[in-house]
C-alpha atoms as a PDB file:
ATOM      1  CA  MET A   1       0.000   0.000   0.000  1.00  0.00           C
ATOM      2  CA  GLU A   2       2.798   2.385   0.851  1.00  0.00           C
ATOM      3  CA  SER A   3       4.607   1.573  -2.395  1.00  0.00           C
ATOM      4  CA  ILE A   4       1.513   2.416  -4.399  1.00  0.00           C
ATOM      5  CA  ILE A   5       1.261   5.773  -2.635  1.00  0.00           C
ATOM      6  CA  ILE A   6       4.952   6.483  -3.228  1.00  0.00           C
ATOM      7  CA  ASN A   7       4.653   5.653  -6.956  1.00  0.00           C
ATOM      8  CA  THR A   8       1.577   7.799  -7.241  1.00  0.00           C
ATOM      9  CA  VAL A   9       3.343  10.736  -5.583  1.00  0.00           C
ATOM     10  CA  GLY A  10       6.382  10.242  -7.851  1.00  0.00           C
ATOM     11  CA  VAL A  11       4.257  10.273 -10.957  1.00  0.00           C
ATOM     12  CA  PHE A  12       2.453  13.352  -9.709  1.00  0.00           C
ATOM     13  CA  VAL A  13       5.720  15.138  -8.960  1.00  0.00           C
ATOM     14  CA  ALA A  14       7.101  14.186 -12.383  1.00  0.00           C
ATOM     15  CA  PHE A  15       3.952  15.479 -14.010  1.00  0.00           C
ATOM     16  CA  ILE A  16       4.254  18.740 -12.077  1.00  0.00           C
ATOM     17  CA  VAL A  17       7.915  19.083 -13.109  1.00  0.00           C
ATOM     18  CA  ILE A  18       7.133  18.412 -16.781  1.00  0.00           C
ATOM     19  CA  LEU A  19       4.101  20.696 -16.657  1.00  0.00           C
ATOM     20  CA  PHE A  20       5.808  23.687 -15.059  1.00  0.00           C
ATOM     21  CA  PHE A  21       9.494  23.290 -15.963  1.00  0.00           C
ATOM     22  CA  ASN A  22       9.292  21.333 -19.272  1.00  0.00           C
ATOM     23  CA  PRO A  23      12.968  20.470 -19.980  1.00  0.00           C
ATOM     24  CA  VAL A  24      12.137  18.983 -23.400  1.00  0.00           C
ATOM     25  CA  ARG A  25      12.718  21.224 -26.441  1.00  0.00           C
ATOM     26  CA  ILE A  26      12.132  20.278 -30.088  1.00  0.00           C
ATOM     27  CA  VAL A  27      13.971  22.293 -32.738  1.00  0.00           C
ATOM     28  CA  LYS A  28      12.824  22.234 -36.382  1.00  0.00           C
ATOM     29  CA  GLN A  29      14.979  21.411 -39.380  1.00  0.00           C
ATOM     30  CA  GLN A  30      17.193  24.256 -40.717  1.00  0.00           C
ATOM     31  CA  THR A  31      16.799  26.019 -37.364  1.00  0.00           C
ATOM     32  CA  LEU A  32      19.114  26.620 -34.413  1.00  0.00           C
ATOM     33  CA  ALA A  33      17.981  27.504 -30.879  1.00  0.00           C
ATOM     34  CA  ILE A  34      19.996  29.845 -28.637  1.00  0.00           C
ATOM     35  CA  VAL A  35      20.021  28.671 -24.987  1.00  0.00           C
ATOM     36  CA  THR A  36      20.849  30.985 -22.077  1.00  0.00           C
ATOM     37  CA  THR A  37      21.504  30.133 -18.423  1.00  0.00           C
ATOM     38  CA  PHE A  38      20.378  32.876 -16.073  1.00  0.00           C
ATOM     39  CA  GLY A  39      20.310  35.206 -19.060  1.00  0.00           C
ATOM     40  CA  ARG A  40      23.794  34.362 -20.338  1.00  0.00           C
ATOM     41  CA  TYR A  41      24.460  32.425 -23.526  1.00  0.00           C
ATOM     42  CA  SER A  42      25.407  28.834 -22.779  1.00  0.00           C
ATOM     43  CA  ARG A  43      24.888  26.690 -25.885  1.00  0.00           C
ATOM     44  CA  THR A  44      23.163  26.246 -29.243  1.00  0.00           C
ATOM     45  CA  LEU A  45      20.605  23.523 -29.897  1.00  0.00           C
ATOM     46  CA  GLY A  46      20.413  21.837 -33.305  1.00  0.00           C
ATOM     47  CA  PRO A  47      17.361  20.325 -35.021  1.00  0.00           C
ATOM     48  CA  GLY A  48      15.602  17.465 -33.222  1.00  0.00           C
ATOM     49  CA  LEU A  49      14.839  16.531 -29.577  1.00  0.00           C
ATOM     50  CA  ASN A  50      16.773  18.486 -26.924  1.00  0.00           C
ATOM     51  CA  PHE A  51      16.736  18.932 -23.153  1.00  0.00           C
ATOM     52  CA  ILE A  52      17.443  21.990 -21.053  1.00  0.00           C
ATOM     53  CA  PHE A  53      17.631  22.572 -17.297  1.00  0.00           C
ATOM     54  CA  ALA A  54      14.449  24.517 -16.833  1.00  0.00           C
ATOM     55  CA  PRO A  55      13.767  26.912 -15.258  1.00  0.00           C
ATOM     56  CA  PHE A  56      17.443  27.856 -15.052  1.00  0.00           C
ATOM     57  CA  GLN A  57      17.900  27.645 -18.812  1.00  0.00           C
ATOM     58  CA  GLN A  58      15.696  29.249 -21.427  1.00  0.00           C
ATOM     59  CA  ILE A  59      15.422  29.336 -25.194  1.00  0.00           C
ATOM     60  CA  GLU A  60      16.421  32.928 -25.916  1.00  0.00           C
ATOM     61  CA  GLY A  61      15.554  32.748 -29.606  1.00  0.00           C
ATOM     62  CA  LYS A  62      15.874  30.830 -32.844  1.00  0.00           C
ATOM     63  CA  VAL A  63      18.022  31.370 -35.925  1.00  0.00           C
ATOM     64  CA  ASP A  64      16.761  30.408 -39.389  1.00  0.00           C
ATOM     65  CA  LEU A  65      19.454  28.791 -41.553  1.00  0.00           C
ATOM     66  CA  ARG A  66      17.532  29.092 -44.823  1.00  0.00           C
ATOM     67  CA  THR A  67      18.582  31.599 -47.475  1.00  0.00           C
ATOM     68  CA  THR A  68      16.785  34.894 -47.071  1.00  0.00           C
ATOM     69  CA  GLU A  69      16.422  37.810 -49.458  1.00  0.00           C
ATOM     70  CA  VAL A  70      16.947  41.438 -48.536  1.00  0.00           C
ATOM     71  CA  LYS A  71      15.548  43.913 -51.068  1.00  0.00           C
ATOM     72  CA  ALA A  72      16.438  47.568 -51.274  1.00  0.00           C
ATOM     73  CA  HIS A  73      15.843  50.475 -53.651  1.00  0.00           C
ATOM     74  CA  VAL A  74      18.891  52.706 -53.682  1.00  0.00           C
ATOM     75  CA  ASN A  75      18.790  56.311 -54.902  1.00  0.00           C
ATOM     76  CA  ILE A  76      22.155  57.202 -56.397  1.00  0.00           C
ATOM     77  CA  LYS A  77      23.710  60.075 -58.333  1.00  0.00           C
ATOM     78  CA  THR A  78      25.898  59.292 -61.318  1.00  0.00           C
ATOM     79  CA  SER A  79      28.977  61.178 -62.460  1.00  0.00           C
ATOM     80  CA  ASP A  80      26.901  63.019 -65.101  1.00  0.00           C
ATOM     81  CA  ASN A  81      24.542  64.325 -62.366  1.00  0.00           C
ATOM     82  CA  MET A  82      21.656  61.949 -63.072  1.00  0.00           C
ATOM     83  CA  PHE A  83      19.540  60.600 -60.199  1.00  0.00           C
ATOM     84  CA  VAL A  84      18.761  56.909 -60.580  1.00  0.00           C
ATOM     85  CA  LEU A  85      16.690  54.453 -58.544  1.00  0.00           C
ATOM     86  CA  LEU A  86      18.523  51.130 -58.468  1.00  0.00           C
ATOM     87  CA  PRO A  87      16.622  47.979 -57.366  1.00  0.00           C
ATOM     88  CA  VAL A  88      18.986  45.669 -55.436  1.00  0.00           C
ATOM     89  CA  SER A  89      18.364  42.173 -54.074  1.00  0.00           C
ATOM     90  CA  ILE A  90      20.788  40.505 -51.621  1.00  0.00           C
ATOM     91  CA  GLN A  91      20.523  36.758 -50.981  1.00  0.00           C
ATOM     92  CA  LEU A  92      22.239  35.610 -47.766  1.00  0.00           C
ATOM     93  CA  ARG A  93      22.057  33.011 -45.024  1.00  0.00           C
ATOM     94  CA  VAL A  94      23.289  32.530 -41.460  1.00  0.00           C
ATOM     95  CA  ASP A  95      26.577  30.688 -41.007  1.00  0.00           C
ATOM     96  CA  SER A  96      25.662  27.650 -38.884  1.00  0.00           C
ATOM     97  CA  GLY A  97      29.062  27.794 -37.181  1.00  0.00           C
ATOM     98  CA  ASN A  98      28.626  31.424 -36.207  1.00  0.00           C
ATOM     99  CA  ALA A  99      24.937  31.605 -35.393  1.00  0.00           C
ATOM    100  CA  VAL A 100      25.599  33.302 -32.055  1.00  0.00           C
ATOM    101  CA  ALA A 101      27.085  36.362 -33.777  1.00  0.00           C
ATOM    102  CA  ALA A 102      24.164  36.508 -36.217  1.00  0.00           C
ATOM    103  CA  PHE A 103      21.724  36.402 -33.291  1.00  0.00           C
ATOM    104  CA  TYR A 104      23.383  38.878 -30.930  1.00  0.00           C
ATOM    105  CA  LYS A 105      25.372  41.355 -33.045  1.00  0.00           C
ATOM    106  CA  LEU A 106      22.660  42.751 -35.309  1.00  0.00           C
ATOM    107  CA  THR A 107      19.423  44.119 -33.886  1.00  0.00           C
ATOM    108  CA  ASN A 108      17.804  44.716 -37.294  1.00  0.00           C
ATOM    109  CA  PRO A 109      19.752  42.723 -39.897  1.00  0.00           C
ATOM    110  CA  GLU A 110      17.638  43.703 -42.904  1.00  0.00           C
ATOM    111  CA  GLN A 111      17.883  47.440 -42.235  1.00  0.00           C
ATOM    112  CA  GLN A 112      21.578  47.378 -41.462  1.00  0.00           C
ATOM    113  CA  ILE A 113      22.447  45.260 -44.503  1.00  0.00           C
ATOM    114  CA  SER A 114      20.437  47.656 -46.689  1.00  0.00           C
ATOM    115  CA  THR A 115      22.556  50.521 -45.355  1.00  0.00           C
ATOM    116  CA  TRP A 116      25.765  48.670 -46.247  1.00  0.00           C
ATOM    117  CA  VAL A 117      24.435  48.027 -49.748  1.00  0.00           C
ATOM    118  CA  LEU A 118      23.612  51.737 -50.132  1.00  0.00           C
ATOM    119  CA  ASN A 119      27.117  52.812 -49.157  1.00  0.00           C
ATOM    120  CA  ALA A 120      28.774  50.215 -51.397  1.00  0.00           C
ATOM    121  CA  ILE A 121      26.720  51.201 -54.457  1.00  0.00           C
ATOM    122  CA  ARG A 122      27.206  54.932 -53.936  1.00  0.00           C
ATOM    123  CA  SER A 123      30.970  54.496 -53.672  1.00  0.00           C
ATOM    124  CA  VAL A 124      31.188  52.765 -57.058  1.00  0.00           C
ATOM    125  CA  SER A 125      28.502  54.748 -58.911  1.00  0.00           C
ATOM    126  CA  SER A 126      30.117  58.121 -58.223  1.00  0.00           C
ATOM    127  CA  ASP A 127      32.440  57.683 -61.235  1.00  0.00           C
ATOM    128  CA  MET A 128      29.896  55.997 -63.527  1.00  0.00           C
ATOM    129  CA  THR A 129      27.622  57.693 -66.046  1.00  0.00           C
ATOM    130  CA  LEU A 130      23.971  56.863 -66.595  1.00  0.00           C
ATOM    131  CA  ASP A 131      24.918  54.934 -69.707  1.00  0.00           C
ATOM    132  CA  ASP A 132      27.454  52.934 -67.676  1.00  0.00           C
ATOM    133  CA  MET A 133      24.780  52.040 -65.122  1.00  0.00           C
ATOM    134  CA  PHE A 134      22.750  50.398 -67.875  1.00  0.00           C
ATOM    135  CA  LYS A 135      25.644  48.698 -69.676  1.00  0.00           C
ATOM    136  CA  ASP A 136      28.055  47.794 -66.856  1.00  0.00           C
ATOM    137  CA  ARG A 137      25.911  46.615 -63.958  1.00  0.00           C
ATOM    138  CA  GLU A 138      28.268  43.681 -63.416  1.00  0.00           C
ATOM    139  CA  ARG A 139      30.851  46.136 -62.185  1.00  0.00           C
ATOM    140  CA  VAL A 140      28.438  47.328 -59.506  1.00  0.00           C
ATOM    141  CA  VAL A 141      27.532  43.740 -58.575  1.00  0.00           C
ATOM    142  CA  ALA A 142      31.190  42.757 -58.183  1.00  0.00           C
ATOM    143  CA  HIS A 143      31.952  45.790 -56.013  1.00  0.00           C
ATOM    144  CA  VAL A 144      28.938  45.249 -53.755  1.00  0.00           C
ATOM    145  CA  ALA A 145      29.740  41.535 -53.361  1.00  0.00           C
ATOM    146  CA  THR A 146      33.338  42.295 -52.395  1.00  0.00           C
ATOM    147  CA  GLU A 147      32.299  44.931 -49.868  1.00  0.00           C
ATOM    148  CA  LEU A 148      29.547  42.849 -48.255  1.00  0.00           C
ATOM    149  CA  LYS A 149      31.365  39.529 -47.921  1.00  0.00           C
ATOM    150  CA  GLY A 150      33.888  40.897 -45.450  1.00  0.00           C
ATOM    151  CA  ARG A 151      31.278  42.754 -43.429  1.00  0.00           C
ATOM    152  CA  LEU A 152      28.740  39.931 -43.292  1.00  0.00           C
ATOM    153  CA  SER A 153      31.233  37.267 -42.236  1.00  0.00           C
ATOM    154  CA  GLY A 154      31.976  39.213 -39.065  1.00  0.00           C
ATOM    155  CA  PHE A 155      28.292  39.171 -38.174  1.00  0.00           C
ATOM    156  CA  GLY A 156      27.677  35.491 -38.827  1.00  0.00           C
ATOM    157  CA  TYR A 157      26.212  35.770 -42.345  1.00  0.00           C
ATOM    158  CA  GLU A 158      27.301  34.355 -45.695  1.00  0.00           C
ATOM    159  CA  LEU A 159      26.566  36.110 -48.993  1.00  0.00           C
ATOM    160  CA  ASP A 160      25.059  33.918 -51.718  1.00  0.00           C
ATOM    161  CA  ALA A 161      24.256  36.402 -54.496  1.00  0.00           C
ATOM    162  CA  VAL A 162      23.856  40.058 -55.385  1.00  0.00           C
ATOM    163  CA  LEU A 163      21.195  40.876 -57.972  1.00  0.00           C
ATOM    164  CA  ILE A 164      20.808  44.351 -59.474  1.00  0.00           C
ATOM    165  CA  ASP A 165      17.846  45.057 -61.712  1.00  0.00           C
ATOM    166  CA  GLU A 166      17.642  47.654 -64.488  1.00  0.00           C
ATOM    167  CA  PRO A 167      18.012  51.236 -63.205  1.00  0.00           C
ATOM    168  CA  THR A 168      14.888  53.358 -63.099  1.00  0.00           C
ATOM    169  CA  VAL A 169      14.869  57.028 -64.075  1.00  0.00           C
ATOM    170  CA  SER A 170      12.125  59.607 -64.404  1.00  0.00           C
ATOM    171  CA  GLU A 171      10.166  59.845 -67.637  1.00  0.00           C
ATOM    172  CA  SER A 172      11.756  63.175 -68.582  1.00  0.00           C
ATOM    173  CA  VAL A 173      15.257  61.786 -68.056  1.00  0.00           C
ATOM    174  CA  GLN A 174      14.403  58.648 -70.009  1.00  0.00           C
ATOM    175  CA  GLU A 175      13.025  60.727 -72.878  1.00  0.00           C
ATOM    176  CA  SER A 176      16.150  62.899 -72.898  1.00  0.00           C
ATOM    177  CA  PHE A 177      18.331  59.809 -72.839  1.00  0.00           C
ATOM    178  CA  ASN A 178      16.422  58.359 -75.797  1.00  0.00           C
ATOM    179  CA  GLN A 179      16.825  61.640 -77.681  1.00  0.00           C
ATOM    180  CA  VAL A 180      20.575  61.605 -77.076  1.00  0.00           C
ATOM    181  CA  VAL A 181      20.801  58.037 -78.333  1.00  0.00           C
ATOM    182  CA  ALA A 182      18.659  58.897 -81.361  1.00  0.00           C
ATOM    183  CA  ALA A 183      20.827  61.940 -82.147  1.00  0.00           C
ATOM    184  CA  ARG A 184      23.928  59.800 -81.885  1.00  0.00           C
ATOM    185  CA  ARG A 185      22.445  57.252 -84.277  1.00  0.00           C
ATOM    186  CA  LEU A 186      21.479  60.035 -86.703  1.00  0.00           C
ATOM    187  CA  ALA A 187      25.014  61.412 -86.556  1.00  0.00           C
ATOM    188  CA  GLU A 188      26.430  57.976 -87.285  1.00  0.00           C
ATOM    189  CA  ALA A 189      23.958  57.545 -90.148  1.00  0.00           C
ATOM    190  CA  ALA A 190      24.922  60.960 -91.562  1.00  0.00           C
ATOM    191  CA  THR A 191      28.599  60.039 -91.342  1.00  0.00           C
ATOM    192  CA  GLU A 192      28.006  56.773 -93.167  1.00  0.00           C
ATOM    193  CA  GLN A 193      25.879  58.567 -95.770  1.00  0.00           C
ATOM    194  CA  GLY A 194      28.680  61.098 -96.270  1.00  0.00           C
ATOM    195  CA  LYS A 195      31.165  58.283 -96.785  1.00  0.00           C
ATOM    196  CA  ALA A 196      28.832  56.658 -99.302  1.00  0.00           C
ATOM    197  CA  ASP A 197      28.363  59.987-101.156  1.00  0.00           C
ATOM    198  CA  LYS A 198      32.124  60.491-101.207  1.00  0.00           C
ATOM    199  CA  ILE A 199      32.669  57.046-102.670  1.00  0.00           C
ATOM    200  CA  ARG A 200      29.961  57.667-105.259  1.00  0.00           C
ATOM    201  CA  LEU A 201      31.396  61.079-106.275  1.00  0.00           C
ATOM    202  CA  VAL A 202      34.918  59.678-106.461  1.00  0.00           C
ATOM    203  CA  ALA A 203      33.642  56.857-108.634  1.00  0.00           C
ATOM    204  CA  ILE A 204      31.822  59.353-110.901  1.00  0.00           C
ATOM    205  CA  ALA A 205      34.927  61.552-111.126  1.00  0.00           C
ATOM    206  CA  GLU A 206      37.110  58.566-111.924  1.00  0.00           C
ATOM    207  CA  GLY A 207      34.609  57.469-114.559  1.00  0.00           C
ATOM    208  CA  GLU A 208      34.554  60.944-116.135  1.00  0.00           C
ATOM    209  CA  ALA A 209      38.348  61.098-116.097  1.00  0.00           C
ATOM    210  CA  GLU A 210      38.522  57.701-117.761  1.00  0.00           C
ATOM    211  CA  ALA A 211      35.960  58.841-120.360  1.00  0.00           C
ATOM    212  CA  GLN A 212      37.992  61.994-121.048  1.00  0.00           C
ATOM    213  CA  ARG A 213      41.103  59.902-121.511  1.00  0.00           C
ATOM    214  CA  GLU A 214      39.260  57.597-123.881  1.00  0.00           C
ATOM    215  CA  ARG A 215      37.844  60.565-125.849  1.00  0.00           C
ATOM    216  CA  ALA A 216      41.281  62.151-126.058  1.00  0.00           C
ATOM    217  CA  LYS A 217      42.746  58.862-127.174  1.00  0.00           C
ATOM    218  CA  GLY A 218      39.992  58.489-129.788  1.00  0.00           C
ATOM    219  CA  LEU A 219      40.541  62.021-131.069  1.00  0.00           C
ATOM    220  CA  SER A 220      44.265  61.446-131.247  1.00  0.00           C
ATOM    221  CA  ASP A 221      43.749  58.200-133.128  1.00  0.00           C
ATOM    222  CA  ALA A 222      41.313  59.941-135.501  1.00  0.00           C
ATOM    223  CA  ARG A 223      43.834  62.684-136.206  1.00  0.00           C
ATOM    224  CA  LYS A 224      46.545  60.137-136.807  1.00  0.00           C
ATOM    225  CA  THR A 225      44.242  58.263-139.182  1.00  0.00           C
ATOM    226  CA  LEU A 226      43.332  61.508-140.961  1.00  0.00           C
ATOM    227  CA  ALA A 227      46.976  62.510-141.255  1.00  0.00           C
ATOM    228  CA  ARG A 228      47.861  59.079-142.565  1.00  0.00           C
ATOM    229  CA  GLY A 229      45.013  59.263-145.107  1.00  0.00           C
ATOM    230  CA  ILE A 230      46.092  62.711-146.307  1.00  0.00           C
ATOM    231  CA  THR A 231      49.660  61.532-146.588  1.00  0.00           C
ATOM    232  CA  GLU A 232      48.607  58.537-148.652  1.00  0.00           C
ATOM    233  CA  SER A 233      46.325  60.701-150.851  1.00  0.00           C
ATOM    234  CA  MET A 234      49.113  63.211-151.462  1.00  0.00           C
ATOM    235  CA  ALA A 235      51.423  60.382-152.398  1.00  0.00           C
ATOM    236  CA  GLU A 236      48.870  59.049-154.888  1.00  0.00           C
ATOM    237  CA  PHE A 237      48.388  62.520-156.427  1.00  0.00           C
ATOM    238  CA  GLN A 238      52.112  63.003-156.834  1.00  0.00           C
ATOM    239  CA  LYS A 239      52.422  59.516-158.304  1.00  0.00           C
ATOM    240  CA  HIS A 240      50.030  60.636-161.105  1.00  0.00           C
ATOM    241  CA  GLY A 241      51.817  63.940-161.682  1.00  0.00           C
ATOM    242  CA  VAL A 242      49.505  66.237-159.672  1.00  0.00           C
ATOM    243  CA  SER A 243      51.327  69.028-157.868  1.00  0.00           C
ATOM    244  CA  ILE A 244      51.145  69.547-154.124  1.00  0.00           C
ATOM    245  CA  GLU A 245      49.160  72.833-154.450  1.00  0.00           C
ATOM    246  CA  GLU A 246      46.540  71.214-156.693  1.00  0.00           C
ATOM    247  CA  SER A 247      46.314  68.189-154.402  1.00  0.00           C
ATOM    248  CA  MET A 248      45.727  70.397-151.326  1.00  0.00           C
ATOM    249  CA  GLY A 249      43.086  72.428-153.159  1.00  0.00           C
ATOM    250  CA  MET A 250      41.241  69.292-154.224  1.00  0.00           C
ATOM    251  CA  LEU A 251      41.280  67.830-150.677  1.00  0.00           C
ATOM    252  CA  THR A 252      40.072  71.139-149.251  1.00  0.00           C
ATOM    253  CA  GLU A 253      37.185  71.286-151.714  1.00  0.00           C
ATOM    254  CA  ILE A 254      36.193  67.702-150.907  1.00  0.00           C
ATOM    255  CA  ASN A 255      36.139  68.528-147.176  1.00  0.00           C
ATOM    256  CA  ARG A 256      34.018  71.644-147.834  1.00  0.00           C
ATOM    257  CA  ILE A 257      31.471  69.694-149.851  1.00  0.00           C
ATOM    258  CA  ASP A 258      31.268  67.032-147.114  1.00  0.00           C
ATOM    259  CA  ALA A 259      30.664  69.771-144.517  1.00  0.00           C
ATOM    260  CA  LEU A 260      27.857  71.304-146.603  1.00  0.00           C
ATOM    261  CA  ARG A 261      26.283  67.879-147.006  1.00  0.00           C
ATOM    262  CA  GLU A 262      26.265  67.416-143.194  1.00  0.00           C
ATOM    263  CA  VAL A 263      24.742  70.866-142.705  1.00  0.00           C
ATOM    264  CA  GLY A 264      21.941  69.964-145.060  1.00  0.00           C
ATOM    265  CA  LYS A 265      20.817  67.232-142.740  1.00  0.00           C
ATOM    266  CA  HIS A 266      19.847  69.731-139.989  1.00  0.00           C
ATOM    267  CA  ASN A 267      17.512  72.747-139.830  1.00  0.00           C
ATOM    268  CA  ASN A 268      18.213  76.259-138.568  1.00  0.00           C
ATOM    269  CA  MET A 269      22.006  75.943-138.768  1.00  0.00           C
ATOM    270  CA  VAL A 270      24.244  78.724-140.176  1.00  0.00           C
ATOM    271  CA  LEU A 271      27.465  77.903-141.990  1.00  0.00           C
ATOM    272  CA  VAL A 272      30.007  80.618-142.867  1.00  0.00           C
ATOM    273  CA  ASP A 273      31.833  79.532-146.036  1.00  0.00           C
ATOM    274  CA  LEU A 274      34.979  81.560-146.607  1.00  0.00           C
ATOM    275  CA  ALA A 275      36.266  79.417-149.440  1.00  0.00           C
ATOM    276  CA  GLY A 276      35.753  79.903-153.186  1.00  0.00           C
ATOM    277  CA  GLY A 277      34.265  83.436-152.916  1.00  0.00           C
ATOM    278  CA  ARG A 278      31.151  82.215-151.106  1.00  0.00           C
ATOM    279  CA  ASN A 279      30.346  84.005-147.864  1.00  0.00           C
ATOM    280  CA  ILE A 280      27.327  82.386-146.127  1.00  0.00           C
ATOM    281  CA  ALA A 281      25.135  79.342-146.571  1.00  0.00           C
ATOM    282  CA  LEU A 282      21.933  79.287-144.456  1.00  0.00           C
ATOM    283  CA  THR A 283      19.583  76.358-143.873  1.00  0.00           C
ATOM    284  CA  LEU A 284      15.939  77.303-143.449  1.00  0.00           C
ATOM    285  CA  PRO A 285      13.208  75.770-141.265  1.00  0.00           C
ATOM    286  CA  ALA A 286      11.004  73.144-142.871  1.00  0.00           C
ATOM    287  CA  THR A 287       8.029  75.549-143.056  1.00  0.00           C
ATOM    288  CA  GLN A 288      10.047  78.143-144.992  1.00  0.00           C
ATOM    289  CA  LYS A 289      11.275  75.456-147.356  1.00  0.00           C
ATOM    290  CA  GLN A 290       7.718  74.564-148.213  1.00  0.00           C
ATOM    291  CA  THR A 291       6.622  78.208-148.753  1.00  0.00           C
ATOM    292  CA  GLY A 292       9.769  79.139-150.610  1.00  0.00           C
ATOM    293  CA  GLY A 293      10.515  81.969-148.127  1.00  0.00           C
ATOM    294  CA  HIS A 294      13.924  83.584-147.733  1.00  0.00           C
ATOM    295  CA  ALA A 295      15.788  84.645-144.631  1.00  0.00           C
ATOM    296  CA  ASP A 296      17.743  87.831-144.213  1.00  0.00           C
ATOM    297  CA  ASN A 297      21.443  87.599-144.546  1.00  0.00           C
ATOM    298  CA  PRO A 298      22.672  87.472-140.928  1.00  0.00           C
ATOM    299  CA  GLY A 299      25.774  89.150-139.728  1.00  0.00           C
ATOM    300  CA  GLY A 300      25.601  91.893-142.407  1.00  0.00           C
ATOM    301  CA  ALA A 301      27.894  90.000-144.763  1.00  0.00           C
ATOM    302  CA  SER A 302      29.130  91.998-147.722  1.00  0.00           C
ATOM    303  CA  GLY A 303      29.411  90.970-151.320  1.00  0.00           C
ATOM    304  CA  GLY A 304      25.699  91.046-152.219  1.00  0.00           C
ATOM    305  CA  GLN A 305      25.358  87.278-151.992  1.00  0.00           C
ATOM    306  CA  GLY A 306      21.830  85.978-151.361  1.00  0.00           C
ATOM    307  CA  THR A 307      20.839  83.065-149.129  1.00  0.00           C
ATOM    308  CA  GLN A 308      20.863  79.539-150.384  1.00  0.00           C
ATOM    309  CA  ASN A 309      18.270  76.855-149.606  1.00  0.00           C
ATOM    310  CA  THR A 310      19.869  73.581-148.906  1.00  0.00           C
END
């Protein structure tokens, strides 16, 4: 009977101890629990079933080991005096071997890390233009990662990634930026057009020069042919006993007749004939030929010669 009473009292006492002091603690996966003894840090509990000496020991808090994301929007000023809003995302996690520092050293980790990001970005963006911020964001990412890794390790955090989105500017600045880019493209297009025009003009000039050379060559060849023909004709005349003066007169007369024949093929052309006592030969329009009209002797030529229809 006494043993039953003793067992009952023991169970009751154990129940009271478990109910009021509860030494059993269960910690979830990817979580660490910070244990203090009389308010002072004593140890860290890992995931699973754990025991503490309650009420002398307490769970001061828990540290999440999963990767967390800290987002910030940083207002910066570039070297060309443009104000830009830069969206930044920092992915970090607590170092399981240094969870105590992560728990005790930072009162507001997200806010303080955002401040570090702001300072790091402003230090590198001070010598970058707005165009550089759009084209060379990797430079900013590398600088921020280098700056944050050293700082975060001292506070029990590890940096996983730094992500920087496209910079955001006001609509007026964006419109001005687009106008600058458009003007630059127009200038490049004008330069290329000028080069093309230059090439075209050079090609035309070279073609004209080549044509002039060919015409000069043709004229020279024609004169050589003419001279050779006259020489051969003179030789033939002399072979048949015709003097040089008579030969030259005959050739001149043949050339004059050929010229008159060519003039007759065209209308409204005036030919001044100074050979053989004839002064002027005038071709008349087709209408005057039909009516038999005559034109006045142009130029006031003397000698009383009338006009000739040809």
